[in-house]
Amino acid sequence: MEDKNRFQEKIAAIQDTMYVIGGKWKIPIVLSIYSGNKRFNDISNSIPKITNRVLSKELKHLEDNLMITRKVVDDYPVRIEYAVTEYCLSIQSVANTMEEWGRNHKKRLQK
């Protein structure tokens, strides 16, 4: 019974991770911001094929999950700037592992 509970906890933890960083756009958005793109249009232009609607939705999701911050810069016109949080940096090893797996997977498919 204990093994079943541990397995279920493991699945739940993985599902929580996938909820926060899973999907087609979240990691590219985080990487874009981490690379220095702070404004909506800069982020949008750095990610091919992302729509403004999807970008807006995903930015809100990432902000709600404490992965990025949204700062209103009181200027004329008002600017919105995004930044990754210290907490967001904790997924760096996950992203590196995903990158390595993706490269290896692509090579395997090309054989």
PDB file of N, CA and C in Angstrom:
ATOM      1  N   MET A   1       0.831  -1.203   0.000  1.00  0.00           N
ATOM      2  CA  MET A   1       0.000   0.000   0.000  1.00  0.00           C
ATOM      3  C   MET A   1       0.870   1.259   0.000  1.00  0.00           C
ATOM      4  N   GLU A   2       1.982   1.197   0.747  1.00  0.00           N
ATOM      5  CA  GLU A   2       2.863   2.366   0.810  1.00  0.00           C
ATOM      6  C   GLU A   2       3.479   2.668  -0.548  1.00  0.00           C
ATOM      7  N   ASP A   3       3.853   1.635  -1.308  1.00  0.00           N
ATOM      8  CA  ASP A   3       4.415   1.835  -2.642  1.00  0.00           C
ATOM      9  C   ASP A   3       3.413   2.510  -3.563  1.00  0.00           C
ATOM     10  N   LYS A   4       2.154   2.135  -3.435  1.00  0.00           N
ATOM     11  CA  LYS A   4       1.104   2.741  -4.255  1.00  0.00           C
ATOM     12  C   LYS A   4       0.968   4.230  -3.935  1.00  0.00           C
ATOM     13  N   ASN A   5       1.030   4.569  -2.651  1.00  0.00           N
ATOM     14  CA  ASN A   5       0.943   5.978  -2.244  1.00  0.00           C
ATOM     15  C   ASN A   5       2.134   6.776  -2.762  1.00  0.00           C
ATOM     16  N   ARG A   6       3.330   6.190  -2.683  1.00  0.00           N
ATOM     17  CA  ARG A   6       4.521   6.880  -3.192  1.00  0.00           C
ATOM     18  C   ARG A   6       4.437   7.096  -4.688  1.00  0.00           C
ATOM     19  N   PHE A   7       3.927   6.101  -5.390  1.00  0.00           N
ATOM     20  CA  PHE A   7       3.760   6.215  -6.830  1.00  0.00           C
ATOM     21  C   PHE A   7       2.762   7.330  -7.157  1.00  0.00           C
ATOM     22  N   GLN A   8       1.657   7.366  -6.447  1.00  0.00           N
ATOM     23  CA  GLN A   8       0.643   8.396  -6.675  1.00  0.00           C
ATOM     24  C   GLN A   8       1.185   9.791  -6.352  1.00  0.00           C
ATOM     25  N   GLU A   9       1.999   9.904  -5.289  1.00  0.00           N
ATOM     26  CA  GLU A   9       2.625  11.181  -4.952  1.00  0.00           C
ATOM     27  C   GLU A   9       3.602  11.603  -6.048  1.00  0.00           C
ATOM     28  N   LYS A  10       4.328  10.643  -6.592  1.00  0.00           N
ATOM     29  CA  LYS A  10       5.275  10.930  -7.673  1.00  0.00           C
ATOM     30  C   LYS A  10       4.531  11.446  -8.902  1.00  0.00           C
ATOM     31  N   ILE A  11       3.458  10.769  -9.264  1.00  0.00           N
ATOM     32  CA  ILE A  11       2.651  11.190 -10.409  1.00  0.00           C
ATOM     33  C   ILE A  11       2.092  12.595 -10.169  1.00  0.00           C
ATOM     34  N   ALA A  12       1.588  12.852  -8.969  1.00  0.00           N
ATOM     35  CA  ALA A  12       1.022  14.169  -8.644  1.00  0.00           C
ATOM     36  C   ALA A  12       2.083  15.260  -8.745  1.00  0.00           C
ATOM     37  N   ALA A  13       3.291  14.974  -8.277  1.00  0.00           N
ATOM     38  CA  ALA A  13       4.367  15.965  -8.351  1.00  0.00           C
ATOM     39  C   ALA A  13       4.746  16.254  -9.798  1.00  0.00           C
ATOM     40  N   ILE A  14       4.802  15.223 -10.628  1.00  0.00           N
ATOM     41  CA  ILE A  14       5.115  15.417 -12.042  1.00  0.00           C
ATOM     42  C   ILE A  14       3.998  16.199 -12.722  1.00  0.00           C
ATOM     43  N   GLN A  15       2.761  15.894 -12.385  1.00  0.00           N
ATOM     44  CA  GLN A  15       1.635  16.633 -12.961  1.00  0.00           C
ATOM     45  C   GLN A  15       1.686  18.107 -12.552  1.00  0.00           C
ATOM     46  N   ASP A  16       2.059  18.382 -11.307  1.00  0.00           N
ATOM     47  CA  ASP A  16       2.200  19.774 -10.862  1.00  0.00           C
ATOM     48  C   ASP A  16       3.270  20.490 -11.674  1.00  0.00           C
ATOM     49  N   THR A  17       4.384  19.823 -11.905  1.00  0.00           N
ATOM     50  CA  THR A  17       5.465  20.409 -12.705  1.00  0.00           C
ATOM     51  C   THR A  17       4.987  20.689 -14.125  1.00  0.00           C
ATOM     52  N   MET A  18       4.317  19.711 -14.714  1.00  0.00           N
ATOM     53  CA  MET A  18       3.829  19.882 -16.081  1.00  0.00           C
ATOM     54  C   MET A  18       2.787  20.996 -16.161  1.00  0.00           C
ATOM     55  N   TYR A  19       1.998  21.166 -15.114  1.00  0.00           N
ATOM     56  CA  TYR A  19       1.009  22.234 -15.100  1.00  0.00           C
ATOM     57  C   TYR A  19       1.694  23.601 -15.182  1.00  0.00           C
ATOM     58  N   VAL A  20       2.801  23.751 -14.476  1.00  0.00           N
ATOM     59  CA  VAL A  20       3.486  25.044 -14.421  1.00  0.00           C
ATOM     60  C   VAL A  20       4.333  25.301 -15.657  1.00  0.00           C
ATOM     61  N   ILE A  21       5.094  24.305 -16.122  1.00  0.00           N
ATOM     62  CA  ILE A  21       6.039  24.562 -17.221  1.00  0.00           C
ATOM     63  C   ILE A  21       5.751  23.770 -18.484  1.00  0.00           C
ATOM     64  N   GLY A  22       4.712  22.953 -18.472  1.00  0.00           N
ATOM     65  CA  GLY A  22       4.403  22.123 -19.628  1.00  0.00           C
ATOM     66  C   GLY A  22       3.762  22.915 -20.752  1.00  0.00           C
ATOM     67  N   GLY A  23       3.638  22.269 -21.871  1.00  0.00           N
ATOM     68  CA  GLY A  23       3.020  22.901 -23.026  1.00  0.00           C
ATOM     69  C   GLY A  23       4.063  23.403 -24.011  1.00  0.00           C
ATOM     70  N   LYS A  24       3.568  23.921 -25.092  1.00  0.00           N
ATOM     71  CA  LYS A  24       4.409  24.336 -26.205  1.00  0.00           C
ATOM     72  C   LYS A  24       5.144  25.649 -25.958  1.00  0.00           C
ATOM     73  N   TRP A  25       4.592  26.538 -25.132  1.00  0.00           N
ATOM     74  CA  TRP A  25       5.085  27.915 -25.089  1.00  0.00           C
ATOM     75  C   TRP A  25       5.769  28.350 -23.803  1.00  0.00           C
ATOM     76  N   LYS A  26       5.508  27.722 -22.680  1.00  0.00           N
ATOM     77  CA  LYS A  26       6.002  28.259 -21.400  1.00  0.00           C
ATOM     78  C   LYS A  26       7.528  28.318 -21.314  1.00  0.00           C
ATOM     79  N   ILE A  27       8.198  27.234 -21.639  1.00  0.00           N
ATOM     80  CA  ILE A  27       9.671  27.236 -21.573  1.00  0.00           C
ATOM     81  C   ILE A  27      10.255  28.235 -22.576  1.00  0.00           C
ATOM     82  N   PRO A  28       9.793  28.293 -23.838  1.00  0.00           N
ATOM     83  CA  PRO A  28      10.322  29.319 -24.734  1.00  0.00           C
ATOM     84  C   PRO A  28      10.103  30.749 -24.220  1.00  0.00           C
ATOM     85  N   ILE A  29       8.976  30.999 -23.572  1.00  0.00           N
ATOM     86  CA  ILE A  29       8.721  32.333 -23.016  1.00  0.00           C
ATOM     87  C   ILE A  29       9.708  32.633 -21.896  1.00  0.00           C
ATOM     88  N   VAL A  30       9.896  31.685 -21.002  1.00  0.00           N
ATOM     89  CA  VAL A  30      10.852  31.880 -19.901  1.00  0.00           C
ATOM     90  C   VAL A  30      12.253  32.104 -20.458  1.00  0.00           C
ATOM     91  N   LEU A  31      12.647  31.299 -21.448  1.00  0.00           N
ATOM     92  CA  LEU A  31      13.979  31.464 -22.043  1.00  0.00           C
ATOM     93  C   LEU A  31      14.124  32.815 -22.728  1.00  0.00           C
ATOM     94  N   SER A  32      13.071  33.283 -23.372  1.00  0.00           N
ATOM     95  CA  SER A  32      13.104  34.589 -24.022  1.00  0.00           C
ATOM     96  C   SER A  32      13.319  35.705 -23.003  1.00  0.00           C
ATOM     97  N   ILE A  33      12.565  35.648 -21.920  1.00  0.00           N
ATOM     98  CA  ILE A  33      12.696  36.671 -20.871  1.00  0.00           C
ATOM     99  C   ILE A  33      14.077  36.582 -20.238  1.00  0.00           C
ATOM    100  N   TYR A  34      14.522  35.362 -19.954  1.00  0.00           N
ATOM    101  CA  TYR A  34      15.836  35.143 -19.356  1.00  0.00           C
ATOM    102  C   TYR A  34      16.944  35.688 -20.266  1.00  0.00           C
ATOM    103  N   SER A  35      16.710  35.635 -21.577  1.00  0.00           N
ATOM    104  CA  SER A  35      17.708  36.121 -22.548  1.00  0.00           C
ATOM    105  C   SER A  35      17.707  37.636 -22.702  1.00  0.00           C
ATOM    106  N   GLY A  36      16.809  38.312 -22.000  1.00  0.00           N
ATOM    107  CA  GLY A  36      16.834  39.774 -22.022  1.00  0.00           C
ATOM    108  C   GLY A  36      15.633  40.448 -22.651  1.00  0.00           C
ATOM    109  N   ASN A  37      14.703  39.685 -23.184  1.00  0.00           N
ATOM    110  CA  ASN A  37      13.494  40.275 -23.754  1.00  0.00           C
ATOM    111  C   ASN A  37      12.515  40.571 -22.629  1.00  0.00           C
ATOM    112  N   LYS A  38      12.327  41.847 -22.342  1.00  0.00           N
ATOM    113  CA  LYS A  38      11.517  42.242 -21.186  1.00  0.00           C
ATOM    114  C   LYS A  38      10.120  42.706 -21.550  1.00  0.00           C
ATOM    115  N   ARG A  39       9.949  43.172 -22.761  1.00  0.00           N
ATOM    116  CA  ARG A  39       8.660  43.731 -23.162  1.00  0.00           C
ATOM    117  C   ARG A  39       7.885  42.741 -24.018  1.00  0.00           C
ATOM    118  N   PHE A  40       6.563  42.891 -23.982  1.00  0.00           N
ATOM    119  CA  PHE A  40       5.666  41.968 -24.665  1.00  0.00           C
ATOM    120  C   PHE A  40       6.063  41.763 -26.123  1.00  0.00           C
ATOM    121  N   ASN A  41       6.249  42.842 -26.860  1.00  0.00           N
ATOM    122  CA  ASN A  41       6.579  42.726 -28.286  1.00  0.00           C
ATOM    123  C   ASN A  41       7.930  42.065 -28.518  1.00  0.00           C
ATOM    124  N   ASP A  42       8.888  42.341 -27.641  1.00  0.00           N
ATOM    125  CA  ASP A  42      10.203  41.703 -27.771  1.00  0.00           C
ATOM    126  C   ASP A  42      10.090  40.190 -27.556  1.00  0.00           C
ATOM    127  N   ILE A  43       9.308  39.803 -26.559  1.00  0.00           N
ATOM    128  CA  ILE A  43       9.094  38.375 -26.295  1.00  0.00           C
ATOM    129  C   ILE A  43       8.381  37.743 -27.487  1.00  0.00           C
ATOM    130  N   SER A  44       7.322  38.392 -27.943  1.00  0.00           N
ATOM    131  CA  SER A  44       6.537  37.888 -29.071  1.00  0.00           C
ATOM    132  C   SER A  44       7.396  37.715 -30.318  1.00  0.00           C
ATOM    133  N   ASN A  45       8.218  38.705 -30.613  1.00  0.00           N
ATOM    134  CA  ASN A  45       9.060  38.655 -31.812  1.00  0.00           C
ATOM    135  C   ASN A  45      10.161  37.600 -31.724  1.00  0.00           C
ATOM    136  N   SER A  46      10.527  37.215 -30.505  1.00  0.00           N
ATOM    137  CA  SER A  46      11.609  36.245 -30.346  1.00  0.00           C
ATOM    138  C   SER A  46      11.131  34.795 -30.446  1.00  0.00           C
ATOM    139  N   ILE A  47       9.806  34.598 -30.424  1.00  0.00           N
ATOM    140  CA  ILE A  47       9.252  33.235 -30.445  1.00  0.00           C
ATOM    141  C   ILE A  47       8.403  33.064 -31.700  1.00  0.00           C
ATOM    142  N   PRO A  48       8.923  32.346 -32.688  1.00  0.00           N
ATOM    143  CA  PRO A  48       8.166  32.170 -33.934  1.00  0.00           C
ATOM    144  C   PRO A  48       6.807  31.516 -33.706  1.00  0.00           C
ATOM    145  N   LYS A  49       5.808  32.038 -34.391  1.00  0.00           N
ATOM    146  CA  LYS A  49       4.465  31.476 -34.472  1.00  0.00           C
ATOM    147  C   LYS A  49       3.609  31.612 -33.211  1.00  0.00           C
ATOM    148  N   ILE A  50       4.082  32.300 -32.175  1.00  0.00           N
ATOM    149  CA  ILE A  50       3.227  32.488 -31.001  1.00  0.00           C
ATOM    150  C   ILE A  50       2.281  33.661 -31.280  1.00  0.00           C
ATOM    151  N   THR A  51       1.025  33.494 -30.921  1.00  0.00           N
ATOM    152  CA  THR A  51       0.073  34.584 -31.116  1.00  0.00           C
ATOM    153  C   THR A  51       0.063  35.475 -29.882  1.00  0.00           C
ATOM    154  N   ASN A  52      -0.377  36.709 -30.054  1.00  0.00           N
ATOM    155  CA  ASN A  52      -0.452  37.631 -28.921  1.00  0.00           C
ATOM    156  C   ASN A  52      -1.398  37.129 -27.847  1.00  0.00           C
ATOM    157  N   ARG A  53      -2.494  36.516 -28.271  1.00  0.00           N
ATOM    158  CA  ARG A  53      -3.467  35.992 -27.306  1.00  0.00           C
ATOM    159  C   ARG A  53      -2.851  34.887 -26.443  1.00  0.00           C
ATOM    160  N   VAL A  54      -2.149  33.958 -27.092  1.00  0.00           N
ATOM    161  CA  VAL A  54      -1.504  32.860 -26.367  1.00  0.00           C
ATOM    162  C   VAL A  54      -0.404  33.399 -25.470  1.00  0.00           C
ATOM    163  N   LEU A  55       0.407  34.325 -25.979  1.00  0.00           N
ATOM    164  CA  LEU A  55       1.479  34.903 -25.174  1.00  0.00           C
ATOM    165  C   LEU A  55       0.909  35.578 -23.937  1.00  0.00           C
ATOM    166  N   SER A  56      -0.133  36.344 -24.103  1.00  0.00           N
ATOM    167  CA  SER A  56      -0.758  37.032 -22.973  1.00  0.00           C
ATOM    168  C   SER A  56      -1.248  36.037 -21.926  1.00  0.00           C
ATOM    169  N   LYS A  57      -1.909  34.978 -22.379  1.00  0.00           N
ATOM    170  CA  LYS A  57      -2.434  33.949 -21.479  1.00  0.00           C
ATOM    171  C   LYS A  57      -1.298  33.241 -20.730  1.00  0.00           C
ATOM    172  N   GLU A  58      -0.243  32.882 -21.457  1.00  0.00           N
ATOM    173  CA  GLU A  58       0.867  32.161 -20.847  1.00  0.00           C
ATOM    174  C   GLU A  58       1.662  33.046 -19.883  1.00  0.00           C
ATOM    175  N   LEU A  59       1.835  34.323 -20.216  1.00  0.00           N
ATOM    176  CA  LEU A  59       2.502  35.242 -19.286  1.00  0.00           C
ATOM    177  C   LEU A  59       1.729  35.330 -17.977  1.00  0.00           C
ATOM    178  N   LYS A  60       0.426  35.415 -18.064  1.00  0.00           N
ATOM    179  CA  LYS A  60      -0.412  35.472 -16.858  1.00  0.00           C
ATOM    180  C   LYS A  60      -0.253  34.193 -16.042  1.00  0.00           C
ATOM    181  N   HIS A  61      -0.253  33.048 -16.712  1.00  0.00           N
ATOM    182  CA  HIS A  61      -0.085  31.766 -16.035  1.00  0.00           C
ATOM    183  C   HIS A  61       1.268  31.702 -15.317  1.00  0.00           C
ATOM    184  N   LEU A  62       2.323  32.108 -16.012  1.00  0.00           N
ATOM    185  CA  LEU A  62       3.658  32.088 -15.418  1.00  0.00           C
ATOM    186  C   LEU A  62       3.752  33.055 -14.236  1.00  0.00           C
ATOM    187  N   GLU A  63       3.101  34.200 -14.354  1.00  0.00           N
ATOM    188  CA  GLU A  63       3.091  35.169 -13.249  1.00  0.00           C
ATOM    189  C   GLU A  63       2.324  34.601 -12.053  1.00  0.00           C
ATOM    190  N   ASP A  64       1.176  33.998 -12.302  1.00  0.00           N
ATOM    191  CA  ASP A  64       0.376  33.399 -11.226  1.00  0.00           C
ATOM    192  C   ASP A  64       1.133  32.299 -10.490  1.00  0.00           C
ATOM    193  N   ASN A  65       2.043  31.632 -11.191  1.00  0.00           N
ATOM    194  CA  ASN A  65       2.820  30.547 -10.596  1.00  0.00           C
ATOM    195  C   ASN A  65       4.213  30.983 -10.145  1.00  0.00           C
ATOM    196  N   LEU A  66       4.403  32.302 -10.003  1.00  0.00           N
ATOM    197  CA  LEU A  66       5.614  32.901  -9.425  1.00  0.00           C
ATOM    198  C   LEU A  66       6.879  32.656 -10.235  1.00  0.00           C
ATOM    199  N   MET A  67       6.713  32.383 -11.531  1.00  0.00           N
ATOM    200  CA  MET A  67       7.871  32.143 -12.389  1.00  0.00           C
ATOM    201  C   MET A  67       8.421  33.433 -12.992  1.00  0.00           C
ATOM    202  N   ILE A  68       7.546  34.413 -13.174  1.00  0.00           N
ATOM    203  CA  ILE A  68       7.961  35.707 -13.708  1.00  0.00           C
ATOM    204  C   ILE A  68       7.276  36.813 -12.916  1.00  0.00           C
ATOM    205  N   THR A  69       7.831  38.008 -13.037  1.00  0.00           N
ATOM    206  CA  THR A  69       7.187  39.182 -12.454  1.00  0.00           C
ATOM    207  C   THR A  69       6.785  40.117 -13.584  1.00  0.00           C
ATOM    208  N   ARG A  70       5.752  40.866 -13.317  1.00  0.00           N
ATOM    209  CA  ARG A  70       5.252  41.867 -14.272  1.00  0.00           C
ATOM    210  C   ARG A  70       5.367  43.214 -13.580  1.00  0.00           C
ATOM    211  N   LYS A  71       6.097  44.125 -14.203  1.00  0.00           N
ATOM    212  CA  LYS A  71       6.338  45.430 -13.603  1.00  0.00           C
ATOM    213  C   LYS A  71       5.821  46.521 -14.536  1.00  0.00           C
ATOM    214  N   VAL A  72       5.008  47.422 -13.972  1.00  0.00           N
ATOM    215  CA  VAL A  72       4.509  48.568 -14.736  1.00  0.00           C
ATOM    216  C   VAL A  72       5.505  49.703 -14.539  1.00  0.00           C
ATOM    217  N   VAL A  73       6.085  50.164 -15.643  1.00  0.00           N
ATOM    218  CA  VAL A  73       7.059  51.254 -15.596  1.00  0.00           C
ATOM    219  C   VAL A  73       6.307  52.545 -15.907  1.00  0.00           C
ATOM    220  N   ASP A  74       6.278  53.428 -14.933  1.00  0.00           N
ATOM    221  CA  ASP A  74       5.535  54.680 -15.060  1.00  0.00           C
ATOM    222  C   ASP A  74       6.318  55.641 -15.949  1.00  0.00           C
ATOM    223  N   ASP A  75       6.038  55.554 -17.215  1.00  0.00           N
ATOM    224  CA  ASP A  75       6.705  56.356 -18.229  1.00  0.00           C
ATOM    225  C   ASP A  75       5.626  56.780 -19.214  1.00  0.00           C
ATOM    226  N   TYR A  76       5.995  57.553 -20.190  1.00  0.00           N
ATOM    227  CA  TYR A  76       5.010  57.894 -21.208  1.00  0.00           C
ATOM    228  C   TYR A  76       5.481  57.365 -22.545  1.00  0.00           C
ATOM    229  N   PRO A  77       4.815  56.455 -23.160  1.00  0.00           N
ATOM    230  CA  PRO A  77       3.656  55.732 -22.623  1.00  0.00           C
ATOM    231  C   PRO A  77       4.078  54.720 -21.559  1.00  0.00           C
ATOM    232  N   VAL A  78       3.120  54.279 -20.770  1.00  0.00           N
ATOM    233  CA  VAL A  78       3.384  53.296 -19.716  1.00  0.00           C
ATOM    234  C   VAL A  78       3.932  52.029 -20.364  1.00  0.00           C
ATOM    235  N   ARG A  79       4.964  51.442 -19.752  1.00  0.00           N
ATOM    236  CA  ARG A  79       5.572  50.208 -20.260  1.00  0.00           C
ATOM    237  C   ARG A  79       5.338  49.085 -19.262  1.00  0.00           C
ATOM    238  N   ILE A  80       5.203  47.902 -19.784  1.00  0.00           N
ATOM    239  CA  ILE A  80       5.131  46.698 -18.956  1.00  0.00           C
ATOM    240  C   ILE A  80       6.405  45.907 -19.233  1.00  0.00           C
ATOM    241  N   GLU A  81       7.092  45.514 -18.163  1.00  0.00           N
ATOM    242  CA  GLU A  81       8.307  44.720 -18.312  1.00  0.00           C
ATOM    243  C   GLU A  81       8.177  43.434 -17.502  1.00  0.00           C
ATOM    244  N   TYR A  82       8.696  42.363 -18.074  1.00  0.00           N
ATOM    245  CA  TYR A  82       8.672  41.053 -17.435  1.00  0.00           C
ATOM    246  C   TYR A  82      10.085  40.642 -17.066  1.00  0.00           C
ATOM    247  N   ALA A  83      10.201  39.876 -15.988  1.00  0.00           N
ATOM    248  CA  ALA A  83      11.495  39.352 -15.555  1.00  0.00           C
ATOM    249  C   ALA A  83      11.278  37.983 -14.929  1.00  0.00           C
ATOM    250  N   VAL A  84      12.269  37.109 -15.073  1.00  0.00           N
ATOM    251  CA  VAL A  84      12.178  35.818 -14.397  1.00  0.00           C
ATOM    252  C   VAL A  84      12.469  36.033 -12.916  1.00  0.00           C
ATOM    253  N   THR A  85      11.872  35.209 -12.094  1.00  0.00           N
ATOM    254  CA  THR A  85      12.090  35.294 -10.646  1.00  0.00           C
ATOM    255  C   THR A  85      13.241  34.373 -10.251  1.00  0.00           C
ATOM    256  N   GLU A  86      13.720  34.570  -9.053  1.00  0.00           N
ATOM    257  CA  GLU A  86      14.746  33.685  -8.504  1.00  0.00           C
ATOM    258  C   GLU A  86      14.200  32.251  -8.458  1.00  0.00           C
ATOM    259  N   TYR A  87      12.932  32.134  -8.103  1.00  0.00           N
ATOM    260  CA  TYR A  87      12.272  30.824  -8.055  1.00  0.00           C
ATOM    261  C   TYR A  87      12.284  30.160  -9.430  1.00  0.00           C
ATOM    262  N   CYS A  88      12.090  30.923 -10.474  1.00  0.00           N
ATOM    263  CA  CYS A  88      12.082  30.389 -11.841  1.00  0.00           C
ATOM    264  C   CYS A  88      13.424  29.755 -12.187  1.00  0.00           C
ATOM    265  N   LEU A  89      14.487  30.313 -11.667  1.00  0.00           N
ATOM    266  CA  LEU A  89      15.818  29.778 -11.968  1.00  0.00           C
ATOM    267  C   LEU A  89      16.003  28.357 -11.451  1.00  0.00           C
ATOM    268  N   SER A  90      15.134  27.935 -10.516  1.00  0.00           N
ATOM    269  CA  SER A  90      15.232  26.585  -9.973  1.00  0.00           C
ATOM    270  C   SER A  90      14.858  25.522 -11.007  1.00  0.00           C
ATOM    271  N   ILE A  91      14.256  25.906 -12.128  1.00  0.00           N
ATOM    272  CA  ILE A  91      13.921  24.918 -13.169  1.00  0.00           C
ATOM    273  C   ILE A  91      15.026  24.793 -14.211  1.00  0.00           C
ATOM    274  N   GLN A  92      16.125  25.496 -14.005  1.00  0.00           N
ATOM    275  CA  GLN A  92      17.202  25.472 -14.987  1.00  0.00           C
ATOM    276  C   GLN A  92      17.704  24.057 -15.259  1.00  0.00           C
ATOM    277  N   SER A  93      17.888  23.265 -14.220  1.00  0.00           N
ATOM    278  CA  SER A  93      18.378  21.896 -14.434  1.00  0.00           C
ATOM    279  C   SER A  93      17.331  21.055 -15.168  1.00  0.00           C
ATOM    280  N   VAL A  94      16.051  21.309 -14.908  1.00  0.00           N
ATOM    281  CA  VAL A  94      14.983  20.605 -15.621  1.00  0.00           C
ATOM    282  C   VAL A  94      15.034  20.963 -17.105  1.00  0.00           C
ATOM    283  N   ALA A  95      15.173  22.247 -17.398  1.00  0.00           N
ATOM    284  CA  ALA A  95      15.229  22.705 -18.795  1.00  0.00           C
ATOM    285  C   ALA A  95      16.463  22.136 -19.491  1.00  0.00           C
ATOM    286  N   ASN A  96      17.602  22.100 -18.806  1.00  0.00           N
ATOM    287  CA  ASN A  96      18.818  21.543 -19.404  1.00  0.00           C
ATOM    288  C   ASN A  96      18.647  20.059 -19.726  1.00  0.00           C
ATOM    289  N   THR A  97      18.014  19.328 -18.804  1.00  0.00           N
ATOM    290  CA  THR A  97      17.763  17.910 -19.027  1.00  0.00           C
ATOM    291  C   THR A  97      16.805  17.713 -20.197  1.00  0.00           C
ATOM    292  N   MET A  98      15.775  18.558 -20.285  1.00  0.00           N
ATOM    293  CA  MET A  98      14.828  18.477 -21.399  1.00  0.00           C
ATOM    294  C   MET A  98      15.527  18.769 -22.726  1.00  0.00           C
ATOM    295  N   GLU A  99      16.417  19.760 -22.727  1.00  0.00           N
ATOM    296  CA  GLU A  99      17.152  20.099 -23.943  1.00  0.00           C
ATOM    297  C   GLU A  99      18.006  18.919 -24.399  1.00  0.00           C
ATOM    298  N   GLU A 100      18.735  18.330 -23.461  1.00  0.00           N
ATOM    299  CA  GLU A 100      19.598  17.196 -23.790  1.00  0.00           C
ATOM    300  C   GLU A 100      18.769  16.019 -24.316  1.00  0.00           C
ATOM    301  N   TRP A 101      17.662  15.723 -23.650  1.00  0.00           N
ATOM    302  CA  TRP A 101      16.809  14.631 -24.087  1.00  0.00           C
ATOM    303  C   TRP A 101      16.271  14.912 -25.491  1.00  0.00           C
ATOM    304  N   GLY A 102      15.846  16.148 -25.739  1.00  0.00           N
ATOM    305  CA  GLY A 102      15.312  16.519 -27.043  1.00  0.00           C
ATOM    306  C   GLY A 102      16.329  16.361 -28.152  1.00  0.00           C
ATOM    307  N   ARG A 103      17.565  16.774 -27.883  1.00  0.00           N
ATOM    308  CA  ARG A 103      18.626  16.608 -28.897  1.00  0.00           C
ATOM    309  C   ARG A 103      18.876  15.129 -29.187  1.00  0.00           C
ATOM    310  N   ASN A 104      18.954  14.323 -28.115  1.00  0.00           N
ATOM    311  CA  ASN A 104      19.185  12.888 -28.287  1.00  0.00           C
ATOM    312  C   ASN A 104      18.014  12.220 -29.003  1.00  0.00           C
ATOM    313  N   HIS A 105      16.822  12.636 -28.689  1.00  0.00           N
ATOM    314  CA  HIS A 105      15.635  12.062 -29.318  1.00  0.00           C
ATOM    315  C   HIS A 105      15.622  12.372 -30.819  1.00  0.00           C
ATOM    316  N   LYS A 106      15.954  13.601 -31.159  1.00  0.00           N
ATOM    317  CA  LYS A 106      15.981  13.988 -32.574  1.00  0.00           C
ATOM    318  C   LYS A 106      17.016  13.159 -33.335  1.00  0.00           C
ATOM    319  N   LYS A 107      18.199  12.965 -32.737  1.00  0.00           N
ATOM    320  CA  LYS A 107      19.236  12.143 -33.378  1.00  0.00           C
ATOM    321  C   LYS A 107      18.733  10.706 -33.575  1.00  0.00           C
ATOM    322  N   ARG A 108      18.057  10.184 -32.575  1.00  0.00           N
ATOM    323  CA  ARG A 108      17.549   8.809 -32.648  1.00  0.00           C
ATOM    324  C   ARG A 108      16.543   8.657 -33.778  1.00  0.00           C
ATOM    325  N   LEU A 109      15.701   9.671 -33.936  1.00  0.00           N
ATOM    326  CA  LEU A 109      14.695   9.618 -34.997  1.00  0.00           C
ATOM    327  C   LEU A 109      15.312   9.730 -36.381  1.00  0.00           C
ATOM    328  N   GLN A 110      16.460  10.382 -36.471  1.00  0.00           N
ATOM    329  CA  GLN A 110      17.100  10.591 -37.769  1.00  0.00           C
ATOM    330  C   GLN A 110      17.933   9.410 -38.231  1.00  0.00           C
ATOM    331  N   LYS A 111      18.086   8.397 -37.399  1.00  0.00           N
ATOM    332  CA  LYS A 111      18.881   7.216 -37.771  1.00  0.00           C
ATOM    333  C   LYS A 111      18.144   6.374 -38.791  1.00  0.00           C
TER     334      LYS A 111
END
